[in-house]
Amino acid sequence: MKCPGQDTQYWKPGAIFEVPCPQCGRQVEFFKDDTMRKCNHCGHRFVNPQLDFGCAAYCKFASQCLGNLPPELLAQKEDLFKDRVAIEVKRALKTDFKAIGRAVRRARYAEKIGTDLQANMALVLMAAYLLEIDPATKGGARQILEKLEAPQPMVDQVCRILDALQDKIEEPGPEIRAVQEADLIVQWEDLLKSGQIEQAELENMINKKLESSAARQQARGLLLN
């Protein structure tokens, strides 16, 4: 059965339209299911501004349905997986609210650090959430990603980040660093709340262990005030 969104018999008026080329301003004709078109005047290729990515953002058959997916859609697919992973992790942790809290804090801190490091934020946030799962259930992160039918390259990248973190392997890469530094902040925050560490010790550890300016700024604001 053909996807109704792509079957022309279901199309309504306005399914074929013109939009100005962002490069030269000439009109370019689009069909509603075109992902990209090339301007016949200047040769500029651009994404269909009225394309509803909707199901294509998560459907594993989107590339077959819509052809070669533009980078904008690929980024949107990664963002959707990030949100779905967060939900699955919370579901897996059930009523362990301390663990859920750690995962949420780690993701929040990692987001700021990863942005500062120009990391792939979808990978950073998925790893930040899944790190709460994998130490207790080795391979649990991969199971969650495969359950969500994440693309295999994405599964492998996230698991590589988690393996490096759990085995304490120092590897280059902004994604690993962002999650690692965020996790350190979460650990120190918990130690401080439980009285197992003093602020004076923390200041030295922040300077020694955290390399990114975003991580140091967050740590000082959370732990030294």
N, C-alpha and C. Protein backbone atom coordinates (compact mmCIF):
# COMPACT_ATOMS: atom_id res chain seq x y z
N MET A 1 0.84 -1.20 0.00
CA MET A 1 0.00 0.00 0.00
C MET A 1 0.87 1.25 0.00
N LYS A 2 0.54 2.19 -0.87
CA LYS A 2 1.32 3.41 -0.95
C LYS A 2 0.94 4.35 0.19
N CYS A 3 1.95 5.04 0.73
CA CYS A 3 1.68 6.01 1.80
C CYS A 3 0.69 7.05 1.30
N PRO A 4 -0.45 7.28 2.01
CA PRO A 4 -1.45 8.25 1.54
C PRO A 4 -0.88 9.64 1.33
N GLY A 5 0.12 10.02 2.13
CA GLY A 5 0.70 11.34 1.98
C GLY A 5 1.43 11.53 0.67
N GLN A 6 1.87 10.41 0.06
CA GLN A 6 2.61 10.49 -1.19
C GLN A 6 1.76 10.08 -2.40
N ASP A 7 0.55 9.61 -2.18
CA ASP A 7 -0.33 9.16 -3.27
C ASP A 7 -1.11 10.36 -3.81
N THR A 8 -0.91 10.67 -5.10
CA THR A 8 -1.49 11.90 -5.68
C THR A 8 -3.01 11.91 -5.66
N GLN A 9 -3.66 10.74 -5.56
CA GLN A 9 -5.13 10.74 -5.54
C GLN A 9 -5.68 11.37 -4.27
N TYR A 10 -4.85 11.47 -3.23
CA TYR A 10 -5.29 12.09 -1.98
C TYR A 10 -4.90 13.58 -1.91
N TRP A 11 -4.22 14.06 -2.92
CA TRP A 11 -3.75 15.45 -2.87
C TRP A 11 -4.90 16.42 -3.02
N LYS A 12 -4.76 17.56 -2.38
CA LYS A 12 -5.75 18.62 -2.44
C LYS A 12 -5.18 19.81 -3.22
N PRO A 13 -6.02 20.79 -3.56
CA PRO A 13 -5.49 21.98 -4.24
C PRO A 13 -4.36 22.61 -3.43
N GLY A 14 -3.33 23.02 -4.12
CA GLY A 14 -2.17 23.59 -3.43
C GLY A 14 -1.04 22.59 -3.26
N ALA A 15 -1.26 21.34 -3.74
CA ALA A 15 -0.22 20.33 -3.63
C ALA A 15 0.94 20.62 -4.57
N ILE A 16 0.70 21.41 -5.61
CA ILE A 16 1.75 21.87 -6.51
C ILE A 16 1.81 23.39 -6.38
N PHE A 17 2.95 23.92 -6.09
CA PHE A 17 3.04 25.35 -5.78
C PHE A 17 4.40 25.89 -6.19
N GLU A 18 4.55 27.20 -6.14
CA GLU A 18 5.82 27.85 -6.46
C GLU A 18 6.32 28.63 -5.25
N VAL A 19 7.62 28.62 -5.07
CA VAL A 19 8.25 29.41 -4.01
C VAL A 19 9.47 30.12 -4.60
N PRO A 20 9.80 31.29 -4.07
CA PRO A 20 10.98 32.00 -4.59
C PRO A 20 12.28 31.34 -4.18
N CYS A 21 13.21 31.27 -5.09
CA CYS A 21 14.53 30.73 -4.79
C CYS A 21 15.22 31.65 -3.78
N PRO A 22 15.74 31.11 -2.68
CA PRO A 22 16.40 31.95 -1.67
C PRO A 22 17.69 32.59 -2.17
N GLN A 23 18.20 32.09 -3.31
CA GLN A 23 19.45 32.62 -3.84
C GLN A 23 19.22 33.79 -4.81
N CYS A 24 18.28 33.60 -5.77
CA CYS A 24 18.09 34.62 -6.81
C CYS A 24 16.69 35.20 -6.85
N GLY A 25 15.73 34.60 -6.15
CA GLY A 25 14.38 35.14 -6.10
C GLY A 25 13.45 34.65 -7.18
N ARG A 26 13.95 33.89 -8.16
CA ARG A 26 13.08 33.35 -9.21
C ARG A 26 12.16 32.28 -8.65
N GLN A 27 10.99 32.12 -9.27
CA GLN A 27 10.03 31.14 -8.80
C GLN A 27 10.46 29.72 -9.18
N VAL A 28 10.33 28.80 -8.22
CA VAL A 28 10.67 27.40 -8.43
C VAL A 28 9.44 26.56 -8.10
N GLU A 29 9.06 25.67 -9.02
CA GLU A 29 7.87 24.85 -8.80
C GLU A 29 8.21 23.63 -7.95
N PHE A 30 7.36 23.38 -6.95
CA PHE A 30 7.50 22.21 -6.08
C PHE A 30 6.23 21.38 -6.11
N PHE A 31 6.39 20.06 -6.05
CA PHE A 31 5.29 19.18 -5.69
C PHE A 31 5.39 19.02 -4.17
N LYS A 32 4.29 18.77 -3.50
CA LYS A 32 4.28 18.74 -2.03
C LYS A 32 5.22 17.69 -1.46
N ASP A 33 5.51 16.59 -2.23
CA ASP A 33 6.37 15.55 -1.71
C ASP A 33 7.82 15.67 -2.17
N ASP A 34 8.15 16.76 -2.88
CA ASP A 34 9.55 16.99 -3.25
C ASP A 34 10.34 17.36 -1.99
N THR A 35 11.47 16.72 -1.77
CA THR A 35 12.31 17.12 -0.65
C THR A 35 13.17 18.32 -1.01
N MET A 36 13.66 18.31 -2.27
CA MET A 36 14.52 19.41 -2.73
C MET A 36 14.25 19.67 -4.21
N ARG A 37 14.53 20.88 -4.64
CA ARG A 37 14.47 21.22 -6.05
C ARG A 37 15.63 22.15 -6.39
N LYS A 38 15.99 22.16 -7.68
CA LYS A 38 17.06 23.04 -8.15
C LYS A 38 16.46 24.18 -8.95
N CYS A 39 16.90 25.38 -8.67
CA CYS A 39 16.45 26.55 -9.40
C CYS A 39 17.02 26.50 -10.82
N ASN A 40 16.16 26.57 -11.82
CA ASN A 40 16.61 26.51 -13.21
C ASN A 40 17.39 27.76 -13.62
N HIS A 41 17.23 28.82 -12.85
CA HIS A 41 17.91 30.07 -13.21
C HIS A 41 19.34 30.12 -12.70
N CYS A 42 19.52 29.86 -11.37
CA CYS A 42 20.86 30.00 -10.79
C CYS A 42 21.50 28.67 -10.38
N GLY A 43 20.71 27.58 -10.42
CA GLY A 43 21.27 26.27 -10.08
C GLY A 43 21.28 25.95 -8.60
N HIS A 44 20.78 26.86 -7.76
CA HIS A 44 20.79 26.63 -6.31
C HIS A 44 19.78 25.55 -5.95
N ARG A 45 20.21 24.59 -5.12
CA ARG A 45 19.32 23.54 -4.62
C ARG A 45 18.89 23.87 -3.20
N PHE A 46 17.59 23.74 -2.92
CA PHE A 46 17.13 24.04 -1.57
C PHE A 46 15.95 23.15 -1.19
N VAL A 47 15.77 23.03 0.13
CA VAL A 47 14.74 22.15 0.68
C VAL A 47 13.36 22.75 0.47
N ASN A 48 12.40 21.89 0.20
CA ASN A 48 11.00 22.30 0.07
C ASN A 48 10.54 22.95 1.38
N PRO A 49 10.24 24.26 1.38
CA PRO A 49 9.90 24.94 2.63
C PRO A 49 8.55 24.53 3.19
N GLN A 50 7.71 23.87 2.37
CA GLN A 50 6.39 23.47 2.84
C GLN A 50 6.29 21.97 3.11
N LEU A 51 7.41 21.26 3.00
CA LEU A 51 7.37 19.82 3.21
C LEU A 51 7.09 19.51 4.67
N ASP A 52 6.07 18.71 4.90
CA ASP A 52 5.74 18.26 6.26
C ASP A 52 6.51 16.98 6.53
N PHE A 53 7.60 17.10 7.31
CA PHE A 53 8.42 15.94 7.57
C PHE A 53 7.66 14.91 8.41
N GLY A 54 6.78 15.37 9.27
CA GLY A 54 5.91 14.51 10.05
C GLY A 54 6.44 13.12 10.30
N CYS A 55 5.78 12.12 9.67
CA CYS A 55 6.16 10.73 9.90
C CYS A 55 7.56 10.43 9.39
N ALA A 56 8.02 11.20 8.39
CA ALA A 56 9.35 10.94 7.83
C ALA A 56 10.45 11.14 8.85
N ALA A 57 10.17 11.92 9.88
CA ALA A 57 11.19 12.19 10.88
C ALA A 57 11.50 10.96 11.73
N TYR A 58 10.55 9.99 11.78
CA TYR A 58 10.82 8.80 12.57
C TYR A 58 10.65 7.49 11.80
N CYS A 59 10.04 7.54 10.62
CA CYS A 59 9.79 6.31 9.87
C CYS A 59 11.08 5.76 9.29
N LYS A 60 11.34 4.46 9.50
CA LYS A 60 12.59 3.86 9.00
C LYS A 60 12.59 3.69 7.49
N PHE A 61 11.40 3.83 6.85
CA PHE A 61 11.32 3.72 5.40
C PHE A 61 11.28 5.08 4.71
N ALA A 62 11.57 6.15 5.47
CA ALA A 62 11.45 7.50 4.92
C ALA A 62 12.35 7.71 3.71
N SER A 63 13.57 7.17 3.76
CA SER A 63 14.48 7.39 2.64
C SER A 63 13.96 6.73 1.36
N GLN A 64 13.23 5.61 1.49
CA GLN A 64 12.64 4.96 0.33
C GLN A 64 11.43 5.74 -0.17
N CYS A 65 10.71 6.31 0.76
CA CYS A 65 9.47 7.03 0.43
C CYS A 65 9.76 8.39 -0.20
N LEU A 66 10.72 9.10 0.36
CA LEU A 66 10.98 10.47 -0.05
C LEU A 66 12.27 10.65 -0.84
N GLY A 67 13.01 9.58 -1.06
CA GLY A 67 14.26 9.72 -1.79
C GLY A 67 15.38 10.08 -0.84
N ASN A 68 16.41 10.73 -1.35
CA ASN A 68 17.55 11.12 -0.51
C ASN A 68 17.11 12.20 0.47
N LEU A 69 17.26 11.92 1.75
CA LEU A 69 16.79 12.85 2.76
C LEU A 69 17.78 13.99 2.93
N PRO A 70 17.29 15.23 2.99
CA PRO A 70 18.19 16.38 3.18
C PRO A 70 18.76 16.41 4.58
N PRO A 71 19.89 17.11 4.78
CA PRO A 71 20.51 17.18 6.11
C PRO A 71 19.57 17.69 7.18
N GLU A 72 18.67 18.61 6.81
CA GLU A 72 17.73 19.17 7.79
C GLU A 72 16.84 18.08 8.36
N LEU A 73 16.41 17.14 7.50
CA LEU A 73 15.55 16.06 7.98
C LEU A 73 16.34 15.06 8.80
N LEU A 74 17.57 14.78 8.39
CA LEU A 74 18.40 13.86 9.16
C LEU A 74 18.63 14.37 10.57
N ALA A 75 18.85 15.70 10.69
CA ALA A 75 19.03 16.30 12.02
C ALA A 75 17.75 16.18 12.83
N GLN A 76 16.60 16.34 12.17
CA GLN A 76 15.32 16.24 12.87
C GLN A 76 15.09 14.81 13.34
N LYS A 77 15.48 13.82 12.52
CA LYS A 77 15.35 12.42 12.93
C LYS A 77 16.18 12.15 14.18
N GLU A 78 17.39 12.69 14.24
CA GLU A 78 18.24 12.49 15.41
C GLU A 78 17.61 13.14 16.64
N ASP A 79 17.04 14.33 16.48
CA ASP A 79 16.41 15.01 17.60
C ASP A 79 15.23 14.19 18.13
N LEU A 80 14.47 13.58 17.22
CA LEU A 80 13.34 12.76 17.65
C LEU A 80 13.82 11.55 18.44
N PHE A 81 14.89 10.90 18.00
CA PHE A 81 15.42 9.76 18.74
C PHE A 81 15.89 10.18 20.12
N LYS A 82 16.47 11.36 20.22
CA LYS A 82 16.92 11.88 21.52
C LYS A 82 15.75 11.96 22.49
N ASP A 83 14.62 12.49 22.03
CA ASP A 83 13.45 12.63 22.90
C ASP A 83 12.86 11.26 23.25
N ARG A 84 12.85 10.35 22.28
CA ARG A 84 12.29 9.02 22.53
C ARG A 84 13.17 8.22 23.49
N VAL A 85 14.49 8.39 23.39
CA VAL A 85 15.40 7.74 24.32
C VAL A 85 15.15 8.22 25.74
N ALA A 86 14.97 9.53 25.91
CA ALA A 86 14.70 10.08 27.25
C ALA A 86 13.46 9.44 27.86
N ILE A 87 12.44 9.26 27.06
CA ILE A 87 11.19 8.65 27.55
C ILE A 87 11.42 7.19 27.92
N GLU A 88 12.14 6.46 27.06
CA GLU A 88 12.39 5.04 27.32
C GLU A 88 13.24 4.82 28.58
N VAL A 89 14.22 5.70 28.79
CA VAL A 89 15.06 5.58 29.98
C VAL A 89 14.23 5.80 31.24
N LYS A 90 13.39 6.82 31.22
CA LYS A 90 12.52 7.08 32.38
C LYS A 90 11.58 5.91 32.63
N ARG A 91 11.11 5.31 31.54
CA ARG A 91 10.21 4.15 31.66
C ARG A 91 10.97 2.96 32.26
N ALA A 92 12.20 2.77 31.81
CA ALA A 92 13.00 1.64 32.30
C ALA A 92 13.36 1.79 33.77
N LEU A 93 13.56 3.02 34.22
CA LEU A 93 13.94 3.27 35.62
C LEU A 93 12.74 3.22 36.57
N LYS A 94 11.54 3.23 35.99
CA LYS A 94 10.29 3.07 36.74
C LYS A 94 10.18 4.09 37.88
N THR A 95 10.20 3.60 39.13
CA THR A 95 10.01 4.51 40.27
C THR A 95 11.33 4.88 40.95
N ASP A 96 12.43 4.62 40.29
CA ASP A 96 13.74 5.00 40.85
C ASP A 96 13.96 6.49 40.55
N PHE A 97 13.34 7.32 41.37
CA PHE A 97 13.33 8.76 41.07
C PHE A 97 14.70 9.40 41.23
N LYS A 98 15.54 8.82 42.09
CA LYS A 98 16.91 9.34 42.21
C LYS A 98 17.68 9.14 40.91
N ALA A 99 17.53 7.95 40.33
CA ALA A 99 18.21 7.66 39.07
C ALA A 99 17.66 8.53 37.94
N ILE A 100 16.36 8.70 37.92
CA ILE A 100 15.75 9.56 36.91
C ILE A 100 16.27 10.98 37.05
N GLY A 101 16.36 11.45 38.29
CA GLY A 101 16.87 12.79 38.55
C GLY A 101 18.31 12.95 38.08
N ARG A 102 19.13 11.92 38.32
CA ARG A 102 20.52 11.96 37.86
C ARG A 102 20.58 12.05 36.34
N ALA A 103 19.78 11.24 35.68
CA ALA A 103 19.79 11.22 34.22
C ALA A 103 19.36 12.57 33.65
N VAL A 104 18.34 13.16 34.24
CA VAL A 104 17.84 14.46 33.76
C VAL A 104 18.88 15.55 33.98
N ARG A 105 19.51 15.55 35.18
CA ARG A 105 20.55 16.55 35.46
C ARG A 105 21.75 16.38 34.54
N ARG A 106 22.16 15.12 34.35
CA ARG A 106 23.31 14.86 33.48
C ARG A 106 23.04 15.37 32.06
N ALA A 107 21.84 15.11 31.57
CA ALA A 107 21.49 15.57 30.22
C ALA A 107 21.46 17.09 30.15
N ARG A 108 20.94 17.72 31.20
CA ARG A 108 20.87 19.19 31.20
C ARG A 108 22.26 19.81 31.21
N TYR A 109 23.14 19.27 32.03
CA TYR A 109 24.50 19.81 32.07
C TYR A 109 25.25 19.50 30.77
N ALA A 110 25.05 18.28 30.25
CA ALA A 110 25.74 17.88 29.01
C ALA A 110 25.31 18.73 27.83
N GLU A 111 24.07 19.17 27.85
CA GLU A 111 23.58 20.00 26.74
C GLU A 111 24.36 21.31 26.65
N LYS A 112 24.60 21.94 27.79
CA LYS A 112 25.35 23.20 27.78
C LYS A 112 26.81 22.98 27.41
N ILE A 113 27.38 21.91 27.96
CA ILE A 113 28.79 21.62 27.66
C ILE A 113 28.96 21.24 26.20
N GLY A 114 28.07 20.37 25.71
CA GLY A 114 28.15 19.94 24.32
C GLY A 114 27.96 21.06 23.34
N THR A 115 27.07 21.99 23.65
CA THR A 115 26.88 23.16 22.79
C THR A 115 28.16 23.97 22.73
N ASP A 116 28.80 24.16 23.88
CA ASP A 116 30.06 24.90 23.94
C ASP A 116 31.16 24.21 23.14
N LEU A 117 31.14 22.88 23.12
CA LEU A 117 32.16 22.10 22.42
C LEU A 117 31.80 21.82 20.96
N GLN A 118 30.61 22.28 20.54
CA GLN A 118 30.11 22.05 19.18
C GLN A 118 30.01 20.55 18.88
N ALA A 119 29.51 19.81 19.84
CA ALA A 119 29.33 18.37 19.70
C ALA A 119 28.01 18.07 19.00
N ASN A 120 27.86 16.82 18.59
CA ASN A 120 26.58 16.33 18.05
C ASN A 120 25.63 16.17 19.24
N MET A 121 24.67 17.09 19.35
CA MET A 121 23.86 17.13 20.57
C MET A 121 22.93 15.94 20.72
N ALA A 122 22.47 15.37 19.61
CA ALA A 122 21.61 14.20 19.72
C ALA A 122 22.37 13.04 20.36
N LEU A 123 23.61 12.82 19.92
CA LEU A 123 24.43 11.74 20.50
C LEU A 123 24.75 12.03 21.96
N VAL A 124 25.08 13.28 22.26
CA VAL A 124 25.41 13.67 23.64
C VAL A 124 24.25 13.40 24.57
N LEU A 125 23.05 13.82 24.20
CA LEU A 125 21.90 13.70 25.10
C LEU A 125 21.44 12.25 25.22
N MET A 126 21.50 11.48 24.12
CA MET A 126 21.14 10.07 24.24
C MET A 126 22.10 9.35 25.18
N ALA A 127 23.40 9.61 25.02
CA ALA A 127 24.39 8.97 25.90
C ALA A 127 24.24 9.42 27.34
N ALA A 128 23.91 10.69 27.54
CA ALA A 128 23.76 11.21 28.90
C ALA A 128 22.61 10.52 29.63
N TYR A 129 21.52 10.24 28.94
CA TYR A 129 20.40 9.52 29.55
C TYR A 129 20.73 8.03 29.72
N LEU A 130 21.28 7.43 28.67
CA LEU A 130 21.52 5.98 28.69
C LEU A 130 22.63 5.57 29.64
N LEU A 131 23.49 6.49 30.01
CA LEU A 131 24.55 6.17 30.97
C LEU A 131 23.96 5.71 32.30
N GLU A 132 22.75 6.14 32.61
CA GLU A 132 22.10 5.73 33.85
C GLU A 132 21.63 4.28 33.78
N ILE A 133 21.46 3.77 32.58
CA ILE A 133 20.97 2.40 32.38
C ILE A 133 22.10 1.40 32.31
N ASP A 134 23.12 1.69 31.51
CA ASP A 134 24.09 0.67 31.12
C ASP A 134 25.00 0.13 32.24
N PRO A 135 25.41 0.93 33.22
CA PRO A 135 26.27 0.33 34.25
C PRO A 135 25.62 -0.85 34.96
N ALA A 136 24.33 -0.76 35.18
CA ALA A 136 23.62 -1.83 35.89
C ALA A 136 23.23 -2.98 34.95
N THR A 137 22.94 -2.65 33.69
CA THR A 137 22.52 -3.66 32.73
C THR A 137 23.37 -3.53 31.48
N LYS A 138 24.52 -4.15 31.50
CA LYS A 138 25.45 -4.03 30.38
C LYS A 138 24.74 -4.40 29.09
N GLY A 139 24.74 -3.49 28.13
CA GLY A 139 24.05 -3.72 26.87
C GLY A 139 22.63 -3.20 26.86
N GLY A 140 22.15 -2.70 28.00
CA GLY A 140 20.78 -2.19 28.05
C GLY A 140 20.56 -1.00 27.13
N ALA A 141 21.59 -0.17 26.98
CA ALA A 141 21.47 1.00 26.10
C ALA A 141 21.26 0.56 24.66
N ARG A 142 22.04 -0.44 24.23
CA ARG A 142 21.88 -0.93 22.86
C ARG A 142 20.48 -1.51 22.65
N GLN A 143 19.98 -2.21 23.64
CA GLN A 143 18.64 -2.80 23.53
C GLN A 143 17.58 -1.72 23.36
N ILE A 144 17.71 -0.64 24.13
CA ILE A 144 16.75 0.45 24.02
C ILE A 144 16.81 1.09 22.63
N LEU A 145 18.02 1.36 22.15
CA LEU A 145 18.17 1.99 20.83
C LEU A 145 17.65 1.09 19.72
N GLU A 146 17.90 -0.21 19.83
CA GLU A 146 17.41 -1.13 18.81
C GLU A 146 15.90 -1.30 18.90
N LYS A 147 15.37 -1.24 20.11
CA LYS A 147 13.91 -1.29 20.26
C LYS A 147 13.25 -0.10 19.56
N LEU A 148 13.90 1.05 19.62
CA LEU A 148 13.38 2.25 18.96
C LEU A 148 13.69 2.28 17.47
N GLU A 149 14.39 1.23 16.99
CA GLU A 149 14.77 1.10 15.58
C GLU A 149 15.63 2.28 15.13
N ALA A 150 16.55 2.67 15.99
CA ALA A 150 17.50 3.72 15.62
C ALA A 150 18.42 3.20 14.53
N PRO A 151 18.88 4.06 13.64
CA PRO A 151 19.82 3.63 12.59
C PRO A 151 21.07 3.01 13.22
N GLN A 152 21.59 1.97 12.60
CA GLN A 152 22.73 1.25 13.18
C GLN A 152 23.95 2.14 13.44
N PRO A 153 24.28 3.07 12.52
CA PRO A 153 25.43 3.94 12.82
C PRO A 153 25.22 4.76 14.09
N MET A 154 23.99 5.19 14.34
CA MET A 154 23.68 5.95 15.55
C MET A 154 23.83 5.07 16.78
N VAL A 155 23.34 3.84 16.70
CA VAL A 155 23.46 2.89 17.81
C VAL A 155 24.94 2.69 18.16
N ASP A 156 25.75 2.45 17.13
CA ASP A 156 27.17 2.20 17.35
C ASP A 156 27.89 3.42 17.95
N GLN A 157 27.53 4.61 17.48
CA GLN A 157 28.17 5.83 17.99
C GLN A 157 27.84 6.07 19.46
N VAL A 158 26.57 5.91 19.81
CA VAL A 158 26.17 6.12 21.20
C VAL A 158 26.82 5.07 22.11
N CYS A 159 26.84 3.82 21.67
CA CYS A 159 27.44 2.76 22.48
C CYS A 159 28.95 2.94 22.62
N ARG A 160 29.59 3.49 21.60
CA ARG A 160 31.03 3.77 21.70
C ARG A 160 31.29 4.82 22.77
N ILE A 161 30.44 5.83 22.84
CA ILE A 161 30.56 6.87 23.87
C ILE A 161 30.40 6.23 25.25
N LEU A 162 29.38 5.39 25.40
CA LEU A 162 29.11 4.76 26.70
C LEU A 162 30.23 3.82 27.11
N ASP A 163 30.75 3.05 26.14
CA ASP A 163 31.86 2.14 26.46
C ASP A 163 33.09 2.91 26.94
N ALA A 164 33.38 4.01 26.27
CA ALA A 164 34.54 4.83 26.66
C ALA A 164 34.36 5.39 28.06
N LEU A 165 33.14 5.80 28.40
CA LEU A 165 32.87 6.38 29.72
C LEU A 165 32.93 5.31 30.81
N GLN A 166 32.33 4.16 30.56
CA GLN A 166 32.27 3.13 31.60
C GLN A 166 33.62 2.47 31.83
N ASP A 167 34.40 2.33 30.76
CA ASP A 167 35.71 1.72 30.90
C ASP A 167 36.79 2.74 31.22
N LYS A 168 36.35 4.00 31.40
CA LYS A 168 37.25 5.11 31.72
C LYS A 168 38.42 5.21 30.71
N ILE A 169 38.04 5.05 29.44
CA ILE A 169 39.01 5.20 28.36
C ILE A 169 38.98 6.63 27.87
N GLU A 170 40.12 7.27 27.89
CA GLU A 170 40.19 8.63 27.43
C GLU A 170 40.31 8.64 25.91
N GLU A 171 39.27 9.12 25.25
CA GLU A 171 39.27 9.21 23.80
C GLU A 171 38.98 10.65 23.39
N PRO A 172 39.54 11.07 22.27
CA PRO A 172 39.22 12.41 21.79
C PRO A 172 37.78 12.45 21.30
N GLY A 173 37.21 13.60 21.30
CA GLY A 173 35.85 13.74 20.80
C GLY A 173 35.00 14.55 21.74
N PRO A 174 34.32 15.56 21.22
CA PRO A 174 33.50 16.45 22.08
C PRO A 174 32.32 15.75 22.72
N GLU A 175 31.77 14.71 22.06
CA GLU A 175 30.60 14.03 22.62
C GLU A 175 30.97 13.30 23.91
N ILE A 176 32.07 12.55 23.88
CA ILE A 176 32.52 11.82 25.07
C ILE A 176 32.86 12.80 26.19
N ARG A 177 33.54 13.85 25.83
CA ARG A 177 33.96 14.82 26.83
C ARG A 177 32.77 15.51 27.48
N ALA A 178 31.77 15.86 26.68
CA ALA A 178 30.59 16.55 27.21
C ALA A 178 29.85 15.69 28.23
N VAL A 179 29.64 14.42 27.90
CA VAL A 179 28.93 13.52 28.82
C VAL A 179 29.77 13.23 30.05
N GLN A 180 31.06 13.04 29.84
CA GLN A 180 31.96 12.74 30.96
C GLN A 180 31.99 13.88 31.97
N GLU A 181 32.13 15.11 31.49
CA GLU A 181 32.20 16.25 32.41
C GLU A 181 30.86 16.49 33.08
N ALA A 182 29.76 16.28 32.35
CA ALA A 182 28.43 16.43 32.96
C ALA A 182 28.23 15.39 34.06
N ASP A 183 28.72 14.17 33.82
CA ASP A 183 28.57 13.11 34.81
C ASP A 183 29.39 13.40 36.07
N LEU A 184 30.57 13.98 35.89
CA LEU A 184 31.38 14.36 37.04
C LEU A 184 30.65 15.39 37.90
N ILE A 185 30.02 16.35 37.26
CA ILE A 185 29.28 17.38 38.00
C ILE A 185 28.15 16.74 38.80
N VAL A 186 27.43 15.80 38.18
CA VAL A 186 26.34 15.11 38.88
C VAL A 186 26.88 14.34 40.09
N GLN A 187 27.99 13.64 39.90
CA GLN A 187 28.58 12.88 41.02
C GLN A 187 28.99 13.81 42.16
N TRP A 188 29.65 14.90 41.83
CA TRP A 188 30.10 15.84 42.86
C TRP A 188 28.92 16.50 43.56
N GLU A 189 27.89 16.77 42.81
CA GLU A 189 26.68 17.38 43.38
C GLU A 189 26.07 16.45 44.43
N ASP A 190 26.00 15.16 44.13
CA ASP A 190 25.45 14.19 45.07
C ASP A 190 26.34 14.02 46.29
N LEU A 191 27.67 14.01 46.07
CA LEU A 191 28.60 13.89 47.20
C LEU A 191 28.50 15.10 48.13
N LEU A 192 28.33 16.26 47.56
CA LEU A 192 28.22 17.48 48.36
C LEU A 192 26.94 17.47 49.19
N LYS A 193 25.84 17.03 48.58
CA LYS A 193 24.56 16.98 49.29
C LYS A 193 24.60 15.98 50.45
N SER A 194 25.35 14.89 50.27
CA SER A 194 25.41 13.86 51.31
C SER A 194 26.50 14.15 52.34
N GLY A 195 27.21 15.25 52.15
CA GLY A 195 28.24 15.63 53.11
C GLY A 195 29.53 14.83 53.00
N GLN A 196 29.73 14.14 51.88
CA GLN A 196 30.92 13.31 51.73
C GLN A 196 32.11 14.07 51.12
N ILE A 197 31.88 15.32 50.81
CA ILE A 197 32.96 16.11 50.22
C ILE A 197 32.77 17.57 50.62
N GLU A 198 33.86 18.30 50.74
CA GLU A 198 33.81 19.70 51.11
C GLU A 198 33.99 20.59 49.88
N GLN A 199 33.47 21.81 49.97
CA GLN A 199 33.59 22.74 48.85
C GLN A 199 35.04 23.04 48.50
N ALA A 200 35.89 23.09 49.50
CA ALA A 200 37.31 23.36 49.23
C ALA A 200 37.93 22.28 48.34
N GLU A 201 37.54 21.03 48.59
CA GLU A 201 38.03 19.92 47.75
C GLU A 201 37.48 20.04 46.33
N LEU A 202 36.23 20.45 46.25
CA LEU A 202 35.57 20.54 44.95
C LEU A 202 36.23 21.58 44.05
N GLU A 203 36.61 22.69 44.62
CA GLU A 203 37.21 23.74 43.80
C GLU A 203 38.48 23.22 43.13
N ASN A 204 39.25 22.46 43.85
CA ASN A 204 40.47 21.88 43.28
C ASN A 204 40.14 20.84 42.20
N MET A 205 39.11 20.04 42.44
CA MET A 205 38.72 19.01 41.48
C MET A 205 38.15 19.62 40.21
N ILE A 206 37.40 20.71 40.35
CA ILE A 206 36.85 21.40 39.18
C ILE A 206 37.98 21.89 38.28
N ASN A 207 38.97 22.51 38.90
CA ASN A 207 40.09 23.04 38.12
C ASN A 207 40.93 21.93 37.48
N LYS A 208 40.99 20.78 38.16
CA LYS A 208 41.84 19.70 37.70
C LYS A 208 41.14 18.80 36.67
N LYS A 209 39.86 18.53 36.89
CA LYS A 209 39.17 17.52 36.09
C LYS A 209 38.38 18.07 34.91
N LEU A 210 37.92 19.31 35.00
CA LEU A 210 37.06 19.86 33.94
C LEU A 210 37.87 20.74 33.01
N GLU A 211 37.78 20.46 31.73
CA GLU A 211 38.54 21.21 30.75
C GLU A 211 37.72 22.30 30.06
N SER A 212 36.45 22.03 29.81
CA SER A 212 35.63 23.00 29.07
C SER A 212 35.17 24.14 29.97
N SER A 213 35.12 25.31 29.41
CA SER A 213 34.70 26.49 30.17
C SER A 213 33.25 26.37 30.62
N ALA A 214 32.40 25.78 29.77
CA ALA A 214 30.98 25.62 30.13
C ALA A 214 30.82 24.70 31.33
N ALA A 215 31.63 23.63 31.39
CA ALA A 215 31.56 22.69 32.52
C ALA A 215 32.03 23.36 33.80
N ARG A 216 33.13 24.10 33.72
CA ARG A 216 33.64 24.78 34.91
C ARG A 216 32.65 25.82 35.43
N GLN A 217 32.05 26.55 34.52
CA GLN A 217 31.10 27.58 34.91
C GLN A 217 29.89 26.95 35.61
N GLN A 218 29.36 25.86 35.01
CA GLN A 218 28.22 25.19 35.64
C GLN A 218 28.58 24.62 37.01
N ALA A 219 29.75 23.97 37.09
CA ALA A 219 30.16 23.34 38.34
C ALA A 219 30.32 24.36 39.45
N ARG A 220 30.96 25.48 39.14
CA ARG A 220 31.15 26.52 40.16
C ARG A 220 29.81 27.10 40.60
N GLY A 221 28.90 27.31 39.64
CA GLY A 221 27.59 27.86 39.99
C GLY A 221 26.76 26.91 40.84
N LEU A 222 26.90 25.62 40.60
CA LEU A 222 26.10 24.62 41.32
C LEU A 222 26.72 24.21 42.65
N LEU A 223 28.04 24.17 42.70
CA LEU A 223 28.72 23.55 43.83
C LEU A 223 29.44 24.48 44.79
N LEU A 224 29.78 25.68 44.31
CA LEU A 224 30.61 26.55 45.14
C LEU A 224 29.87 27.77 45.69
N ASN A 225 28.60 27.89 45.42
CA ASN A 225 27.84 29.04 45.93
C ASN A 225 27.34 28.78 47.34
